[in-house]
Amino acid sequence: MIRVVLPQHLRTLARVEGEVGLEIPGPVSVAAILDALEARFPALRGAIRDRDTKKRRPFIRFYACEEDFSHAPPESPLPEAVAQGREPLRIVGAMAGG
């Protein structure tokens, strides 16, 4: 079971509380997790990544095992700890300002 931690605004949109558990067949990557997340929670389509291009939305970041995977190719394998469910993929809404 893959664990995903969403920021509060996305949990509200998906109508979930706490972590989300997903079954991912095959290699575990950000793209595979987002595909499964959007399939299970259609309200999230377009909120994390563009519906058409599948590019990450600005101000959304992906972290796993204390590493930033936001700029890695979405199909890149995530650490084994995430694939085994020991560590979650964290989707974070970034802050900006000056």
PDB file of N, CA and C in Angstrom:
ATOM      1  N   MET A   1       0.845  -1.177   0.000  1.00  0.00           N
ATOM      2  CA  MET A   1       0.000   0.000   0.000  1.00  0.00           C
ATOM      3  C   MET A   1       0.889   1.238   0.000  1.00  0.00           C
ATOM      4  N   ILE A   2       0.716   2.087  -0.981  1.00  0.00           N
ATOM      5  CA  ILE A   2       1.448   3.334  -1.090  1.00  0.00           C
ATOM      6  C   ILE A   2       0.727   4.379  -0.248  1.00  0.00           C
ATOM      7  N   ARG A   3       1.483   5.128   0.533  1.00  0.00           N
ATOM      8  CA  ARG A   3       0.911   6.170   1.388  1.00  0.00           C
ATOM      9  C   ARG A   3       1.159   7.534   0.761  1.00  0.00           C
ATOM     10  N   VAL A   4       0.104   8.368   0.751  1.00  0.00           N
ATOM     11  CA  VAL A   4       0.201   9.708   0.188  1.00  0.00           C
ATOM     12  C   VAL A   4      -0.343  10.696   1.208  1.00  0.00           C
ATOM     13  N   VAL A   5       0.429  11.755   1.469  1.00  0.00           N
ATOM     14  CA  VAL A   5      -0.002  12.828   2.362  1.00  0.00           C
ATOM     15  C   VAL A   5      -0.316  14.035   1.488  1.00  0.00           C
ATOM     16  N   LEU A   6      -1.550  14.501   1.577  1.00  0.00           N
ATOM     17  CA  LEU A   6      -2.002  15.651   0.805  1.00  0.00           C
ATOM     18  C   LEU A   6      -2.097  16.888   1.696  1.00  0.00           C
ATOM     19  N   PRO A   7      -1.916  18.085   1.124  1.00  0.00           N
ATOM     20  CA  PRO A   7      -2.146  19.293   1.911  1.00  0.00           C
ATOM     21  C   PRO A   7      -3.646  19.450   2.182  1.00  0.00           C
ATOM     22  N   GLN A   8      -3.969  20.242   3.168  1.00  0.00           N
ATOM     23  CA  GLN A   8      -5.357  20.380   3.610  1.00  0.00           C
ATOM     24  C   GLN A   8      -6.316  20.748   2.472  1.00  0.00           C
ATOM     25  N   HIS A   9      -5.939  21.678   1.602  1.00  0.00           N
ATOM     26  CA  HIS A   9      -6.874  22.093   0.553  1.00  0.00           C
ATOM     27  C   HIS A   9      -7.183  20.958  -0.423  1.00  0.00           C
ATOM     28  N   LEU A  10      -6.225  20.075  -0.672  1.00  0.00           N
ATOM     29  CA  LEU A  10      -6.486  18.933  -1.549  1.00  0.00           C
ATOM     30  C   LEU A  10      -7.252  17.833  -0.824  1.00  0.00           C
ATOM     31  N   ARG A  11      -7.023  17.679   0.477  1.00  0.00           N
ATOM     32  CA  ARG A  11      -7.833  16.720   1.259  1.00  0.00           C
ATOM     33  C   ARG A  11      -9.292  17.170   1.266  1.00  0.00           C
ATOM     34  N   THR A  12      -9.517  18.465   1.397  1.00  0.00           N
ATOM     35  CA  THR A  12     -10.884  18.991   1.375  1.00  0.00           C
ATOM     36  C   THR A  12     -11.519  18.740   0.013  1.00  0.00           C
ATOM     37  N   LEU A  13     -10.792  19.006  -1.050  1.00  0.00           N
ATOM     38  CA  LEU A  13     -11.297  18.787  -2.402  1.00  0.00           C
ATOM     39  C   LEU A  13     -11.636  17.317  -2.642  1.00  0.00           C
ATOM     40  N   ALA A  14     -10.789  16.423  -2.144  1.00  0.00           N
ATOM     41  CA  ALA A  14     -11.006  14.976  -2.316  1.00  0.00           C
ATOM     42  C   ALA A  14     -11.960  14.390  -1.271  1.00  0.00           C
ATOM     43  N   ARG A  15     -12.262  15.190  -0.251  1.00  0.00           N
ATOM     44  CA  ARG A  15     -13.126  14.752   0.849  1.00  0.00           C
ATOM     45  C   ARG A  15     -12.547  13.545   1.578  1.00  0.00           C
ATOM     46  N   VAL A  16     -11.273  13.684   1.963  1.00  0.00           N
ATOM     47  CA  VAL A  16     -10.593  12.645   2.743  1.00  0.00           C
ATOM     48  C   VAL A  16      -9.953  13.281   3.967  1.00  0.00           C
ATOM     49  N   GLU A  17      -9.693  12.456   4.950  1.00  0.00           N
ATOM     50  CA  GLU A  17      -8.970  12.893   6.143  1.00  0.00           C
ATOM     51  C   GLU A  17      -7.727  12.028   6.281  1.00  0.00           C
ATOM     52  N   GLY A  18      -6.638  12.620   6.706  1.00  0.00           N
ATOM     53  CA  GLY A  18      -5.404  11.868   6.933  1.00  0.00           C
ATOM     54  C   GLY A  18      -4.763  11.407   5.640  1.00  0.00           C
ATOM     55  N   GLU A  19      -3.916  10.398   5.782  1.00  0.00           N
ATOM     56  CA  GLU A  19      -3.207   9.844   4.630  1.00  0.00           C
ATOM     57  C   GLU A  19      -4.161   9.086   3.715  1.00  0.00           C
ATOM     58  N   VAL A  20      -3.765   9.009   2.454  1.00  0.00           N
ATOM     59  CA  VAL A  20      -4.492   8.224   1.466  1.00  0.00           C
ATOM     60  C   VAL A  20      -3.649   6.993   1.159  1.00  0.00           C
ATOM     61  N   GLY A  21      -4.264   5.831   1.113  1.00  0.00           N
ATOM     62  CA  GLY A  21      -3.575   4.599   0.748  1.00  0.00           C
ATOM     63  C   GLY A  21      -3.970   4.184  -0.660  1.00  0.00           C
ATOM     64  N   LEU A  22      -2.980   3.856  -1.491  1.00  0.00           N
ATOM     65  CA  LEU A  22      -3.229   3.477  -2.879  1.00  0.00           C
ATOM     66  C   LEU A  22      -2.486   2.201  -3.225  1.00  0.00           C
ATOM     67  N   GLU A  23      -3.115   1.378  -4.019  1.00  0.00           N
ATOM     68  CA  GLU A  23      -2.451   0.204  -4.595  1.00  0.00           C
ATOM     69  C   GLU A  23      -1.936   0.608  -5.969  1.00  0.00           C
ATOM     70  N   ILE A  24      -0.646   0.449  -6.182  1.00  0.00           N
ATOM     71  CA  ILE A  24      -0.028   0.829  -7.451  1.00  0.00           C
ATOM     72  C   ILE A  24       0.554  -0.427  -8.100  1.00  0.00           C
ATOM     73  N   PRO A  25       0.008  -0.844  -9.240  1.00  0.00           N
ATOM     74  CA  PRO A  25       0.616  -1.973  -9.943  1.00  0.00           C
ATOM     75  C   PRO A  25       1.850  -1.493 -10.708  1.00  0.00           C
ATOM     76  N   GLY A  26       2.901  -2.249 -10.665  1.00  0.00           N
ATOM     77  CA  GLY A  26       4.099  -1.881 -11.409  1.00  0.00           C
ATOM     78  C   GLY A  26       4.989  -0.908 -10.675  1.00  0.00           C
ATOM     79  N   PRO A  27       5.901  -0.278 -11.398  1.00  0.00           N
ATOM     80  CA  PRO A  27       6.857   0.640 -10.778  1.00  0.00           C
ATOM     81  C   PRO A  27       6.157   1.819 -10.102  1.00  0.00           C
ATOM     82  N   VAL A  28       6.667   2.189  -8.939  1.00  0.00           N
ATOM     83  CA  VAL A  28       6.088   3.299  -8.170  1.00  0.00           C
ATOM     84  C   VAL A  28       6.835   4.576  -8.525  1.00  0.00           C
ATOM     85  N   SER A  29       6.102   5.504  -9.133  1.00  0.00           N
ATOM     86  CA  SER A  29       6.647   6.798  -9.529  1.00  0.00           C
ATOM     87  C   SER A  29       5.616   7.866  -9.187  1.00  0.00           C
ATOM     88  N   VAL A  30       6.023   9.120  -9.274  1.00  0.00           N
ATOM     89  CA  VAL A  30       5.078  10.212  -9.043  1.00  0.00           C
ATOM     90  C   VAL A  30       3.936  10.110 -10.056  1.00  0.00           C
ATOM     91  N   ALA A  31       4.247   9.843 -11.319  1.00  0.00           N
ATOM     92  CA  ALA A  31       3.215   9.743 -12.352  1.00  0.00           C
ATOM     93  C   ALA A  31       2.221   8.624 -12.031  1.00  0.00           C
ATOM     94  N   ALA A  32       2.723   7.456 -11.625  1.00  0.00           N
ATOM     95  CA  ALA A  32       1.837   6.331 -11.300  1.00  0.00           C
ATOM     96  C   ALA A  32       0.946   6.656 -10.105  1.00  0.00           C
ATOM     97  N   ILE A  33       1.515   7.319  -9.105  1.00  0.00           N
ATOM     98  CA  ILE A  33       0.740   7.687  -7.919  1.00  0.00           C
ATOM     99  C   ILE A  33      -0.325   8.717  -8.291  1.00  0.00           C
ATOM    100  N   LEU A  34       0.032   9.714  -9.086  1.00  0.00           N
ATOM    101  CA  LEU A  34      -0.951  10.724  -9.480  1.00  0.00           C
ATOM    102  C   LEU A  34      -2.047  10.130 -10.358  1.00  0.00           C
ATOM    103  N   ASP A  35      -1.696   9.186 -11.232  1.00  0.00           N
ATOM    104  CA  ASP A  35      -2.720   8.502 -12.035  1.00  0.00           C
ATOM    105  C   ASP A  35      -3.724   7.798 -11.129  1.00  0.00           C
ATOM    106  N   ALA A  36      -3.218   7.054 -10.147  1.00  0.00           N
ATOM    107  CA  ALA A  36      -4.091   6.322  -9.224  1.00  0.00           C
ATOM    108  C   ALA A  36      -4.897   7.278  -8.344  1.00  0.00           C
ATOM    109  N   LEU A  37      -4.272   8.346  -7.892  1.00  0.00           N
ATOM    110  CA  LEU A  37      -4.943   9.325  -7.039  1.00  0.00           C
ATOM    111  C   LEU A  37      -6.088   9.999  -7.788  1.00  0.00           C
ATOM    112  N   GLU A  38      -5.842  10.404  -9.035  1.00  0.00           N
ATOM    113  CA  GLU A  38      -6.885  11.056  -9.833  1.00  0.00           C
ATOM    114  C   GLU A  38      -7.987  10.085 -10.231  1.00  0.00           C
ATOM    115  N   ALA A  39      -7.648   8.813 -10.424  1.00  0.00           N
ATOM    116  CA  ALA A  39      -8.676   7.823 -10.745  1.00  0.00           C
ATOM    117  C   ALA A  39      -9.602   7.594  -9.545  1.00  0.00           C
ATOM    118  N   ARG A  40      -9.031   7.553  -8.366  1.00  0.00           N
ATOM    119  CA  ARG A  40      -9.816   7.310  -7.151  1.00  0.00           C
ATOM    120  C   ARG A  40     -10.570   8.557  -6.700  1.00  0.00           C
ATOM    121  N   PHE A  41      -9.970   9.729  -6.903  1.00  0.00           N
ATOM    122  CA  PHE A  41     -10.567  10.997  -6.478  1.00  0.00           C
ATOM    123  C   PHE A  41     -10.635  11.932  -7.691  1.00  0.00           C
ATOM    124  N   PRO A  42     -11.650  11.787  -8.539  1.00  0.00           N
ATOM    125  CA  PRO A  42     -11.742  12.602  -9.756  1.00  0.00           C
ATOM    126  C   PRO A  42     -11.723  14.114  -9.504  1.00  0.00           C
ATOM    127  N   ALA A  43     -12.126  14.557  -8.333  1.00  0.00           N
ATOM    128  CA  ALA A  43     -12.106  15.990  -8.017  1.00  0.00           C
ATOM    129  C   ALA A  43     -10.685  16.548  -8.031  1.00  0.00           C
ATOM    130  N   LEU A  44      -9.677  15.687  -7.918  1.00  0.00           N
ATOM    131  CA  LEU A  44      -8.283  16.139  -7.914  1.00  0.00           C
ATOM    132  C   LEU A  44      -7.718  16.331  -9.323  1.00  0.00           C
ATOM    133  N   ARG A  45      -8.454  15.870 -10.341  1.00  0.00           N
ATOM    134  CA  ARG A  45      -7.960  16.033 -11.714  1.00  0.00           C
ATOM    135  C   ARG A  45      -7.819  17.507 -12.038  1.00  0.00           C
ATOM    136  N   GLY A  46      -6.638  17.885 -12.433  1.00  0.00           N
ATOM    137  CA  GLY A  46      -6.362  19.272 -12.770  1.00  0.00           C
ATOM    138  C   GLY A  46      -5.895  20.119 -11.602  1.00  0.00           C
ATOM    139  N   ALA A  47      -5.970  19.594 -10.392  1.00  0.00           N
ATOM    140  CA  ALA A  47      -5.559  20.366  -9.214  1.00  0.00           C
ATOM    141  C   ALA A  47      -4.074  20.216  -8.914  1.00  0.00           C
ATOM    142  N   ILE A  48      -3.510  19.065  -9.192  1.00  0.00           N
ATOM    143  CA  ILE A  48      -2.106  18.786  -8.893  1.00  0.00           C
ATOM    144  C   ILE A  48      -1.248  18.951 -10.146  1.00  0.00           C
ATOM    145  N   ARG A  49      -1.804  18.541 -11.267  1.00  0.00           N
ATOM    146  CA  ARG A  49      -1.115  18.669 -12.550  1.00  0.00           C
ATOM    147  C   ARG A  49      -2.138  19.041 -13.616  1.00  0.00           C
ATOM    148  N   ASP A  50      -1.661  19.607 -14.697  1.00  0.00           N
ATOM    149  CA  ASP A  50      -2.529  20.011 -15.794  1.00  0.00           C
ATOM    150  C   ASP A  50      -3.218  18.783 -16.382  1.00  0.00           C
ATOM    151  N   ARG A  51      -4.494  18.909 -16.666  1.00  0.00           N
ATOM    152  CA  ARG A  51      -5.264  17.772 -17.203  1.00  0.00           C
ATOM    153  C   ARG A  51      -4.711  17.264 -18.532  1.00  0.00           C
ATOM    154  N   ASP A  52      -4.290  18.170 -19.388  1.00  0.00           N
ATOM    155  CA  ASP A  52      -3.862  17.776 -20.727  1.00  0.00           C
ATOM    156  C   ASP A  52      -2.380  17.432 -20.810  1.00  0.00           C
ATOM    157  N   THR A  53      -1.537  18.311 -20.310  1.00  0.00           N
ATOM    158  CA  THR A  53      -0.093  18.107 -20.448  1.00  0.00           C
ATOM    159  C   THR A  53       0.488  17.210 -19.362  1.00  0.00           C
ATOM    160  N   LYS A  54      -0.235  17.043 -18.258  1.00  0.00           N
ATOM    161  CA  LYS A  54       0.211  16.251 -17.097  1.00  0.00           C
ATOM    162  C   LYS A  54       1.411  16.887 -16.392  1.00  0.00           C
ATOM    163  N   LYS A  55       1.688  18.166 -16.677  1.00  0.00           N
ATOM    164  CA  LYS A  55       2.782  18.863 -15.992  1.00  0.00           C
ATOM    165  C   LYS A  55       2.318  19.324 -14.611  1.00  0.00           C
ATOM    166  N   ARG A  56       3.243  19.259 -13.662  1.00  0.00           N
ATOM    167  CA  ARG A  56       2.972  19.684 -12.291  1.00  0.00           C
ATOM    168  C   ARG A  56       2.533  21.137 -12.277  1.00  0.00           C
ATOM    169  N   ARG A  57       1.516  21.416 -11.453  1.00  0.00           N
ATOM    170  CA  ARG A  57       1.054  22.793 -11.287  1.00  0.00           C
ATOM    171  C   ARG A  57       2.114  23.601 -10.525  1.00  0.00           C
ATOM    172  N   PRO A  58       2.215  24.903 -10.828  1.00  0.00           N
ATOM    173  CA  PRO A  58       3.124  25.740 -10.039  1.00  0.00           C
ATOM    174  C   PRO A  58       2.715  25.695  -8.563  1.00  0.00           C
ATOM    175  N   PHE A  59       3.659  25.792  -7.708  1.00  0.00           N
ATOM    176  CA  PHE A  59       3.447  25.812  -6.255  1.00  0.00           C
ATOM    177  C   PHE A  59       3.035  24.460  -5.679  1.00  0.00           C
ATOM    178  N   ILE A  60       3.134  23.394  -6.454  1.00  0.00           N
ATOM    179  CA  ILE A  60       2.924  22.038  -5.933  1.00  0.00           C
ATOM    180  C   ILE A  60       4.284  21.353  -5.952  1.00  0.00           C
ATOM    181  N   ARG A  61       4.631  20.701  -4.856  1.00  0.00           N
ATOM    182  CA  ARG A  61       5.917  20.007  -4.748  1.00  0.00           C
ATOM    183  C   ARG A  61       5.685  18.577  -4.272  1.00  0.00           C
ATOM    184  N   PHE A  62       6.613  17.684  -4.635  1.00  0.00           N
ATOM    185  CA  PHE A  62       6.553  16.274  -4.259  1.00  0.00           C
ATOM    186  C   PHE A  62       7.797  15.917  -3.458  1.00  0.00           C
ATOM    187  N   TYR A  63       7.604  15.357  -2.273  1.00  0.00           N
ATOM    188  CA  TYR A  63       8.717  14.956  -1.410  1.00  0.00           C
ATOM    189  C   TYR A  63       8.557  13.493  -0.997  1.00  0.00           C
ATOM    190  N   ALA A  64       9.680  12.787  -1.005  1.00  0.00           N
ATOM    191  CA  ALA A  64       9.712  11.399  -0.544  1.00  0.00           C
ATOM    192  C   ALA A  64      11.059  11.181   0.136  1.00  0.00           C
ATOM    193  N   CYS A  65      11.023  10.619   1.326  1.00  0.00           N
ATOM    194  CA  CYS A  65      12.247  10.319   2.065  1.00  0.00           C
ATOM    195  C   CYS A  65      13.151  11.550   2.183  1.00  0.00           C
ATOM    196  N   GLU A  66      12.544  12.675   2.470  1.00  0.00           N
ATOM    197  CA  GLU A  66      13.245  13.947   2.664  1.00  0.00           C
ATOM    198  C   GLU A  66      13.962  14.454   1.414  1.00  0.00           C
ATOM    199  N   GLU A  67      13.551  13.966   0.239  1.00  0.00           N
ATOM    200  CA  GLU A  67      14.116  14.421  -1.030  1.00  0.00           C
ATOM    201  C   GLU A  67      13.018  15.077  -1.848  1.00  0.00           C
ATOM    202  N   ASP A  68      13.382  16.128  -2.580  1.00  0.00           N
ATOM    203  CA  ASP A  68      12.453  16.831  -3.453  1.00  0.00           C
ATOM    204  C   ASP A  68      12.436  16.143  -4.818  1.00  0.00           C
ATOM    205  N   PHE A  69      11.284  15.616  -5.205  1.00  0.00           N
ATOM    206  CA  PHE A  69      11.122  14.958  -6.499  1.00  0.00           C
ATOM    207  C   PHE A  69      10.315  15.830  -7.466  1.00  0.00           C
ATOM    208  N   SER A  70      10.136  17.093  -7.133  1.00  0.00           N
ATOM    209  CA  SER A  70       9.301  17.992  -7.925  1.00  0.00           C
ATOM    210  C   SER A  70       9.818  18.184  -9.352  1.00  0.00           C
ATOM    211  N   HIS A  71      11.126  18.221  -9.527  1.00  0.00           N
ATOM    212  CA  HIS A  71      11.693  18.477 -10.843  1.00  0.00           C
ATOM    213  C   HIS A  71      12.247  17.219 -11.508  1.00  0.00           C
ATOM    214  N   ALA A  72      12.125  16.089 -10.857  1.00  0.00           N
ATOM    215  CA  ALA A  72      12.555  14.823 -11.456  1.00  0.00           C
ATOM    216  C   ALA A  72      11.526  14.404 -12.512  1.00  0.00           C
ATOM    217  N   PRO A  73      11.937  13.663 -13.526  1.00  0.00           N
ATOM    218  CA  PRO A  73      10.946  13.157 -14.476  1.00  0.00           C
ATOM    219  C   PRO A  73       9.859  12.373 -13.722  1.00  0.00           C
ATOM    220  N   PRO A  74       8.584  12.616 -14.033  1.00  0.00           N
ATOM    221  CA  PRO A  74       7.488  11.989 -13.284  1.00  0.00           C
ATOM    222  C   PRO A  74       7.511  10.459 -13.289  1.00  0.00           C
ATOM    223  N   GLU A  75       8.145   9.864 -14.287  1.00  0.00           N
ATOM    224  CA  GLU A  75       8.195   8.401 -14.377  1.00  0.00           C
ATOM    225  C   GLU A  75       9.376   7.809 -13.608  1.00  0.00           C
ATOM    226  N   SER A  76      10.216   8.659 -13.005  1.00  0.00           N
ATOM    227  CA  SER A  76      11.372   8.175 -12.240  1.00  0.00           C
ATOM    228  C   SER A  76      10.890   7.349 -11.047  1.00  0.00           C
ATOM    229  N   PRO A  77      11.532   6.216 -10.793  1.00  0.00           N
ATOM    230  CA  PRO A  77      11.133   5.411  -9.631  1.00  0.00           C
ATOM    231  C   PRO A  77      11.370   6.173  -8.332  1.00  0.00           C
ATOM    232  N   LEU A  78      10.441   6.029  -7.417  1.00  0.00           N
ATOM    233  CA  LEU A  78      10.586   6.614  -6.082  1.00  0.00           C
ATOM    234  C   LEU A  78      11.369   5.661  -5.198  1.00  0.00           C
ATOM    235  N   PRO A  79      11.888   6.130  -4.069  1.00  0.00           N
ATOM    236  CA  PRO A  79      12.670   5.257  -3.179  1.00  0.00           C
ATOM    237  C   PRO A  79      11.884   4.014  -2.748  1.00  0.00           C
ATOM    238  N   GLU A  80      12.624   2.969  -2.482  1.00  0.00           N
ATOM    239  CA  GLU A  80      12.032   1.683  -2.070  1.00  0.00           C
ATOM    240  C   GLU A  80      11.157   1.833  -0.830  1.00  0.00           C
ATOM    241  N   ALA A  81      11.521   2.730   0.080  1.00  0.00           N
ATOM    242  CA  ALA A  81      10.722   2.935   1.298  1.00  0.00           C
ATOM    243  C   ALA A  81       9.310   3.409   0.965  1.00  0.00           C
ATOM    244  N   VAL A  82       9.162   4.186  -0.096  1.00  0.00           N
ATOM    245  CA  VAL A  82       7.835   4.627  -0.533  1.00  0.00           C
ATOM    246  C   VAL A  82       7.106   3.458  -1.183  1.00  0.00           C
ATOM    247  N   ALA A  83       7.792   2.725  -2.056  1.00  0.00           N
ATOM    248  CA  ALA A  83       7.184   1.586  -2.746  1.00  0.00           C
ATOM    249  C   ALA A  83       6.703   0.516  -1.775  1.00  0.00           C
ATOM    250  N   GLN A  84       7.384   0.394  -0.628  1.00  0.00           N
ATOM    251  CA  GLN A  84       7.002  -0.610   0.371  1.00  0.00           C
ATOM    252  C   GLN A  84       6.035  -0.059   1.418  1.00  0.00           C
ATOM    253  N   GLY A  85       5.687   1.228   1.314  1.00  0.00           N
ATOM    254  CA  GLY A  85       4.737   1.823   2.246  1.00  0.00           C
ATOM    255  C   GLY A  85       5.313   2.234   3.585  1.00  0.00           C
ATOM    256  N   ARG A  86       6.639   2.191   3.728  1.00  0.00           N
ATOM    257  CA  ARG A  86       7.256   2.613   4.988  1.00  0.00           C
ATOM    258  C   ARG A  86       7.293   4.135   5.115  1.00  0.00           C
ATOM    259  N   GLU A  87       7.408   4.812   3.983  1.00  0.00           N
ATOM    260  CA  GLU A  87       7.437   6.277   3.940  1.00  0.00           C
ATOM    261  C   GLU A  87       6.385   6.759   2.951  1.00  0.00           C
ATOM    262  N   PRO A  88       5.761   7.909   3.214  1.00  0.00           N
ATOM    263  CA  PRO A  88       4.755   8.417   2.272  1.00  0.00           C
ATOM    264  C   PRO A  88       5.372   9.314   1.195  1.00  0.00           C
ATOM    265  N   LEU A  89       4.623   9.486   0.119  1.00  0.00           N
ATOM    266  CA  LEU A  89       4.892  10.568  -0.814  1.00  0.00           C
ATOM    267  C   LEU A  89       4.127  11.757  -0.261  1.00  0.00           C
ATOM    268  N   ARG A  90       4.803  12.868  -0.084  1.00  0.00           N
ATOM    269  CA  ARG A  90       4.164  14.080   0.429  1.00  0.00           C
ATOM    270  C   ARG A  90       3.964  15.057  -0.723  1.00  0.00           C
ATOM    271  N   ILE A  91       2.721  15.449  -0.912  1.00  0.00           N
ATOM    272  CA  ILE A  91       2.392  16.472  -1.890  1.00  0.00           C
ATOM    273  C   ILE A  91       2.171  17.748  -1.095  1.00  0.00           C
ATOM    274  N   VAL A  92       2.964  18.767  -1.419  1.00  0.00           N
ATOM    275  CA  VAL A  92       2.989  19.973  -0.614  1.00  0.00           C
ATOM    276  C   VAL A  92       2.609  21.176  -1.474  1.00  0.00           C
ATOM    277  N   GLY A  93       1.768  22.022  -0.933  1.00  0.00           N
ATOM    278  CA  GLY A  93       1.457  23.289  -1.574  1.00  0.00           C
ATOM    279  C   GLY A  93       2.499  24.302  -1.133  1.00  0.00           C
ATOM    280  N   ALA A  94       3.342  24.761  -2.065  1.00  0.00           N
ATOM    281  CA  ALA A  94       4.434  25.679  -1.735  1.00  0.00           C
ATOM    282  C   ALA A  94       3.904  27.081  -1.483  1.00  0.00           C
ATOM    283  N   MET A  95       4.688  27.862  -0.760  1.00  0.00           N
ATOM    284  CA  MET A  95       4.351  29.246  -0.451  1.00  0.00           C
ATOM    285  C   MET A  95       5.236  30.167  -1.290  1.00  0.00           C
ATOM    286  N   ALA A  96       4.717  31.317  -1.618  1.00  0.00           N
ATOM    287  CA  ALA A  96       5.501  32.318  -2.345  1.00  0.00           C
ATOM    288  C   ALA A  96       5.180  33.694  -1.769  1.00  0.00           C
ATOM    289  N   GLY A  97       6.074  34.574  -1.958  1.00  0.00           N
ATOM    290  CA  GLY A  97       5.837  35.933  -1.483  1.00  0.00           C
ATOM    291  C   GLY A  97       7.147  36.683  -1.394  1.00  0.00           C
ATOM    292  N   GLY A  98       7.048  37.880  -0.961  1.00  0.00           N
ATOM    293  CA  GLY A  98       8.281  38.637  -0.931  1.00  0.00           C
ATOM    294  C   GLY A  98       8.333  39.631   0.176  1.00  0.00           C
TER     295      GLY A  98
END
